[in-house]
Amino acid sequence: MVLSHVVDWILKLVRGKMLVVKWANRMAVSLAFEAAVDSAEGVGGYTDSRL
């Protein structure tokens, strides 16, 4: 009985960790995308102002 409870708890913990990792990856990707867009806009603005 106790063992099955422990296994269940570990599975819940792992599942929770996976969700956190997925969320963190999504956040990192969106942040990287935003940074790329910002830098691209910055480069575009720089070339525009130079022209």
PDB file of N, CA and C in Angstrom:
ATOM      1  N   MET A   1       0.833  -1.214   0.000  1.00  0.00           N
ATOM      2  CA  MET A   1       0.000   0.000   0.000  1.00  0.00           C
ATOM      3  C   MET A   1       0.863   1.257   0.000  1.00  0.00           C
ATOM      4  N   VAL A   2       1.808   1.306   0.949  1.00  0.00           N
ATOM      5  CA  VAL A   2       2.660   2.497   1.061  1.00  0.00           C
ATOM      6  C   VAL A   2       3.485   2.677  -0.211  1.00  0.00           C
ATOM      7  N   LEU A   3       3.981   1.559  -0.752  1.00  0.00           N
ATOM      8  CA  LEU A   3       4.819   1.622  -1.946  1.00  0.00           C
ATOM      9  C   LEU A   3       4.047   2.226  -3.115  1.00  0.00           C
ATOM     10  N   SER A   4       2.799   1.790  -3.303  1.00  0.00           N
ATOM     11  CA  SER A   4       2.001   2.322  -4.413  1.00  0.00           C
ATOM     12  C   SER A   4       1.752   3.821  -4.221  1.00  0.00           C
ATOM     13  N   HIS A   5       1.600   4.239  -2.956  1.00  0.00           N
ATOM     14  CA  HIS A   5       1.419   5.671  -2.680  1.00  0.00           C
ATOM     15  C   HIS A   5       2.676   6.440  -3.072  1.00  0.00           C
ATOM     16  N   VAL A   6       3.829   5.881  -2.719  1.00  0.00           N
ATOM     17  CA  VAL A   6       5.111   6.532  -3.028  1.00  0.00           C
ATOM     18  C   VAL A   6       5.290   6.635  -4.539  1.00  0.00           C
ATOM     19  N   VAL A   7       4.978   5.525  -5.257  1.00  0.00           N
ATOM     20  CA  VAL A   7       5.115   5.519  -6.720  1.00  0.00           C
ATOM     21  C   VAL A   7       4.180   6.553  -7.332  1.00  0.00           C
ATOM     22  N   ASP A   8       2.959   6.614  -6.825  1.00  0.00           N
ATOM     23  CA  ASP A   8       1.973   7.578  -7.328  1.00  0.00           C
ATOM     24  C   ASP A   8       2.480   9.004  -7.119  1.00  0.00           C
ATOM     25  N   TRP A   9       3.048   9.249  -5.934  1.00  0.00           N
ATOM     26  CA  TRP A   9       3.559  10.581  -5.606  1.00  0.00           C
ATOM     27  C   TRP A   9       4.710  10.965  -6.531  1.00  0.00           C
ATOM     28  N   ILE A  10       5.612   9.984  -6.775  1.00  0.00           N
ATOM     29  CA  ILE A  10       6.764  10.237  -7.654  1.00  0.00           C
ATOM     30  C   ILE A  10       6.281  10.550  -9.070  1.00  0.00           C
ATOM     31  N   LEU A  11       5.272   9.782  -9.531  1.00  0.00           N
ATOM     32  CA  LEU A  11       4.739  10.010 -10.876  1.00  0.00           C
ATOM     33  C   LEU A  11       4.137  11.399 -10.973  1.00  0.00           C
ATOM     34  N   LYS A  12       3.415  11.801  -9.942  1.00  0.00           N
ATOM     35  CA  LYS A  12       2.818  13.146  -9.927  1.00  0.00           C
ATOM     36  C   LYS A  12       3.916  14.201  -9.964  1.00  0.00           C
ATOM     37  N   LEU A  13       4.972  13.978  -9.204  1.00  0.00           N
ATOM     38  CA  LEU A  13       6.090  14.919  -9.143  1.00  0.00           C
ATOM     39  C   LEU A  13       6.735  15.060 -10.522  1.00  0.00           C
ATOM     40  N   VAL A  14       6.991  13.901 -11.163  1.00  0.00           N
ATOM     41  CA  VAL A  14       7.625  13.897 -12.486  1.00  0.00           C
ATOM     42  C   VAL A  14       6.730  14.605 -13.494  1.00  0.00           C
ATOM     43  N   ARG A  15       5.417  14.311 -13.419  1.00  0.00           N
ATOM     44  CA  ARG A  15       4.474  14.935 -14.347  1.00  0.00           C
ATOM     45  C   ARG A  15       4.488  16.453 -14.158  1.00  0.00           C
ATOM     46  N   GLY A  16       4.511  16.882 -12.903  1.00  0.00           N
ATOM     47  CA  GLY A  16       4.552  18.313 -12.605  1.00  0.00           C
ATOM     48  C   GLY A  16       5.824  18.946 -13.149  1.00  0.00           C
ATOM     49  N   LYS A  17       6.948  18.244 -12.991  1.00  0.00           N
ATOM     50  CA  LYS A  17       8.227  18.750 -13.486  1.00  0.00           C
ATOM     51  C   LYS A  17       8.185  18.888 -14.997  1.00  0.00           C
ATOM     52  N   MET A  18       7.600  17.884 -15.664  1.00  0.00           N
ATOM     53  CA  MET A  18       7.518  17.918 -17.114  1.00  0.00           C
ATOM     54  C   MET A  18       6.720  19.138 -17.568  1.00  0.00           C
ATOM     55  N   LEU A  19       5.624  19.418 -16.866  1.00  0.00           N
ATOM     56  CA  LEU A  19       4.800  20.582 -17.213  1.00  0.00           C
ATOM     57  C   LEU A  19       5.606  21.862 -17.045  1.00  0.00           C
ATOM     58  N   VAL A  20       6.360  21.950 -15.950  1.00  0.00           N
ATOM     59  CA  VAL A  20       7.176  23.140 -15.689  1.00  0.00           C
ATOM     60  C   VAL A  20       8.233  23.305 -16.773  1.00  0.00           C
ATOM     61  N   VAL A  21       8.855  22.179 -17.153  1.00  0.00           N
ATOM     62  CA  VAL A  21       9.897  22.230 -18.191  1.00  0.00           C
ATOM     63  C   VAL A  21       9.289  22.671 -19.519  1.00  0.00           C
ATOM     64  N   LYS A  22       8.111  22.102 -19.844  1.00  0.00           N
ATOM     65  CA  LYS A  22       7.433  22.483 -21.091  1.00  0.00           C
ATOM     66  C   LYS A  22       7.134  23.977 -21.085  1.00  0.00           C
ATOM     67  N   TRP A  23       6.611  24.459 -19.961  1.00  0.00           N
ATOM     68  CA  TRP A  23       6.251  25.874 -19.844  1.00  0.00           C
ATOM     69  C   TRP A  23       7.501  26.747 -19.969  1.00  0.00           C
ATOM     70  N   ALA A  24       8.591  26.324 -19.310  1.00  0.00           N
ATOM     71  CA  ALA A  24       9.841  27.088 -19.351  1.00  0.00           C
ATOM     72  C   ALA A  24      10.374  27.144 -20.783  1.00  0.00           C
ATOM     73  N   ASN A  25      10.297  26.009 -21.484  1.00  0.00           N
ATOM     74  CA  ASN A  25      10.761  25.975 -22.877  1.00  0.00           C
ATOM     75  C   ASN A  25       9.939  26.923 -23.732  1.00  0.00           C
ATOM     76  N   ARG A  26       8.623  26.914 -23.523  1.00  0.00           N
ATOM     77  CA  ARG A  26       7.740  27.786 -24.305  1.00  0.00           C
ATOM     78  C   ARG A  26       8.082  29.244 -24.048  1.00  0.00           C
ATOM     79  N   MET A  27       8.318  29.570 -22.762  1.00  0.00           N
ATOM     80  CA  MET A  27       8.656  30.941 -22.403  1.00  0.00           C
ATOM     81  C   MET A  27       9.979  31.346 -23.054  1.00  0.00           C
ATOM     82  N   ALA A  28      10.968  30.453 -22.996  1.00  0.00           N
ATOM     83  CA  ALA A  28      12.284  30.747 -23.565  1.00  0.00           C
ATOM     84  C   ALA A  28      12.177  30.974 -25.070  1.00  0.00           C
ATOM     85  N   VAL A  29      11.374  30.139 -25.733  1.00  0.00           N
ATOM     86  CA  VAL A  29      11.218  30.262 -27.187  1.00  0.00           C
ATOM     87  C   VAL A  29      10.555  31.594 -27.528  1.00  0.00           C
ATOM     88  N   SER A  30       9.485  31.939 -26.796  1.00  0.00           N
ATOM     89  CA  SER A  30       8.781  33.194 -27.094  1.00  0.00           C
ATOM     90  C   SER A  30       9.678  34.396 -26.795  1.00  0.00           C
ATOM     91  N   LEU A  31      10.473  34.297 -25.722  1.00  0.00           N
ATOM     92  CA  LEU A  31      11.379  35.403 -25.391  1.00  0.00           C
ATOM     93  C   LEU A  31      12.450  35.553 -26.466  1.00  0.00           C
ATOM     94  N   ALA A  32      12.978  34.413 -26.927  1.00  0.00           N
ATOM     95  CA  ALA A  32      14.011  34.444 -27.969  1.00  0.00           C
ATOM     96  C   ALA A  32      13.426  35.027 -29.256  1.00  0.00           C
ATOM     97  N   PHE A  33      12.180  34.643 -29.561  1.00  0.00           N
ATOM     98  CA  PHE A  33      11.515  35.153 -30.759  1.00  0.00           C
ATOM     99  C   PHE A  33      11.342  36.668 -30.664  1.00  0.00           C
ATOM    100  N   GLU A  34      10.877  37.132 -29.502  1.00  0.00           N
ATOM    101  CA  GLU A  34      10.691  38.568 -29.296  1.00  0.00           C
ATOM    102  C   GLU A  34      12.014  39.311 -29.434  1.00  0.00           C
ATOM    103  N   ALA A  35      13.074  38.728 -28.858  1.00  0.00           N
ATOM    104  CA  ALA A  35      14.394  39.359 -28.929  1.00  0.00           C
ATOM    105  C   ALA A  35      14.854  39.432 -30.382  1.00  0.00           C
ATOM    106  N   ALA A  36      14.599  38.354 -31.140  1.00  0.00           N
ATOM    107  CA  ALA A  36      15.002  38.325 -32.548  1.00  0.00           C
ATOM    108  C   ALA A  36      14.244  39.391 -33.329  1.00  0.00           C
ATOM    109  N   VAL A  37      12.941  39.501 -33.052  1.00  0.00           N
ATOM    110  CA  VAL A  37      12.126  40.508 -33.737  1.00  0.00           C
ATOM    111  C   VAL A  37      12.620  41.903 -33.373  1.00  0.00           C
ATOM    112  N   ASP A  38      12.912  42.118 -32.089  1.00  0.00           N
ATOM    113  CA  ASP A  38      13.400  43.427 -31.632  1.00  0.00           C
ATOM    114  C   ASP A  38      14.711  43.780 -32.327  1.00  0.00           C
ATOM    115  N   SER A  39      15.637  42.831 -32.384  1.00  0.00           N
ATOM    116  CA  SER A  39      16.939  43.107 -32.999  1.00  0.00           C
ATOM    117  C   SER A  39      16.768  43.345 -34.498  1.00  0.00           C
ATOM    118  N   ALA A  40      15.853  42.593 -35.127  1.00  0.00           N
ATOM    119  CA  ALA A  40      15.612  42.769 -36.560  1.00  0.00           C
ATOM    120  C   ALA A  40      15.038  44.162 -36.810  1.00  0.00           C
ATOM    121  N   GLU A  41      14.099  44.570 -35.965  1.00  0.00           N
ATOM    122  CA  GLU A  41      13.507  45.900 -36.095  1.00  0.00           C
ATOM    123  C   GLU A  41      14.575  46.965 -35.855  1.00  0.00           C
ATOM    124  N   GLY A  42      15.448  46.696 -34.864  1.00  0.00           N
ATOM    125  CA  GLY A  42      16.522  47.645 -34.564  1.00  0.00           C
ATOM    126  C   GLY A  42      17.450  47.787 -35.757  1.00  0.00           C
ATOM    127  N   VAL A  43      17.787  46.673 -36.385  1.00  0.00           N
ATOM    128  CA  VAL A  43      18.664  46.701 -37.569  1.00  0.00           C
ATOM    129  C   VAL A  43      17.963  47.440 -38.695  1.00  0.00           C
ATOM    130  N   GLY A  44      16.667  47.135 -38.884  1.00  0.00           N
ATOM    131  CA  GLY A  44      15.897  47.803 -39.935  1.00  0.00           C
ATOM    132  C   GLY A  44      15.854  49.302 -39.699  1.00  0.00           C
ATOM    133  N   GLY A  45      15.598  49.687 -38.446  1.00  0.00           N
ATOM    134  CA  GLY A  45      15.552  51.110 -38.118  1.00  0.00           C
ATOM    135  C   GLY A  45      16.891  51.769 -38.343  1.00  0.00           C
ATOM    136  N   TYR A  46      17.961  51.051 -38.009  1.00  0.00           N
ATOM    137  CA  TYR A  46      19.314  51.593 -38.181  1.00  0.00           C
ATOM    138  C   TYR A  46      19.611  51.847 -39.652  1.00  0.00           C
ATOM    139  N   THR A  47      19.305  50.847 -40.493  1.00  0.00           N
ATOM    140  CA  THR A  47      19.576  51.011 -41.935  1.00  0.00           C
ATOM    141  C   THR A  47      18.685  52.109 -42.511  1.00  0.00           C
ATOM    142  N   ASP A  48      17.414  52.176 -42.053  1.00  0.00           N
ATOM    143  CA  ASP A  48      16.502  53.203 -42.545  1.00  0.00           C
ATOM    144  C   ASP A  48      17.032  54.607 -42.209  1.00  0.00           C
ATOM    145  N   SER A  49      17.476  54.774 -40.971  1.00  0.00           N
ATOM    146  CA  SER A  49      17.942  56.087 -40.548  1.00  0.00           C
ATOM    147  C   SER A  49      19.235  56.430 -41.293  1.00  0.00           C
ATOM    148  N   ARG A  50      20.046  55.452 -41.598  1.00  0.00           N
ATOM    149  CA  ARG A  50      21.299  55.711 -42.319  1.00  0.00           C
ATOM    150  C   ARG A  50      21.026  56.101 -43.754  1.00  0.00           C
ATOM    151  N   LEU A  51      20.022  55.470 -44.366  1.00  0.00           N
ATOM    152  CA  LEU A  51      19.655  55.819 -45.732  1.00  0.00           C
ATOM    153  C   LEU A  51      18.978  57.184 -45.715  1.00  0.00           C
TER     154      LEU A  51
END
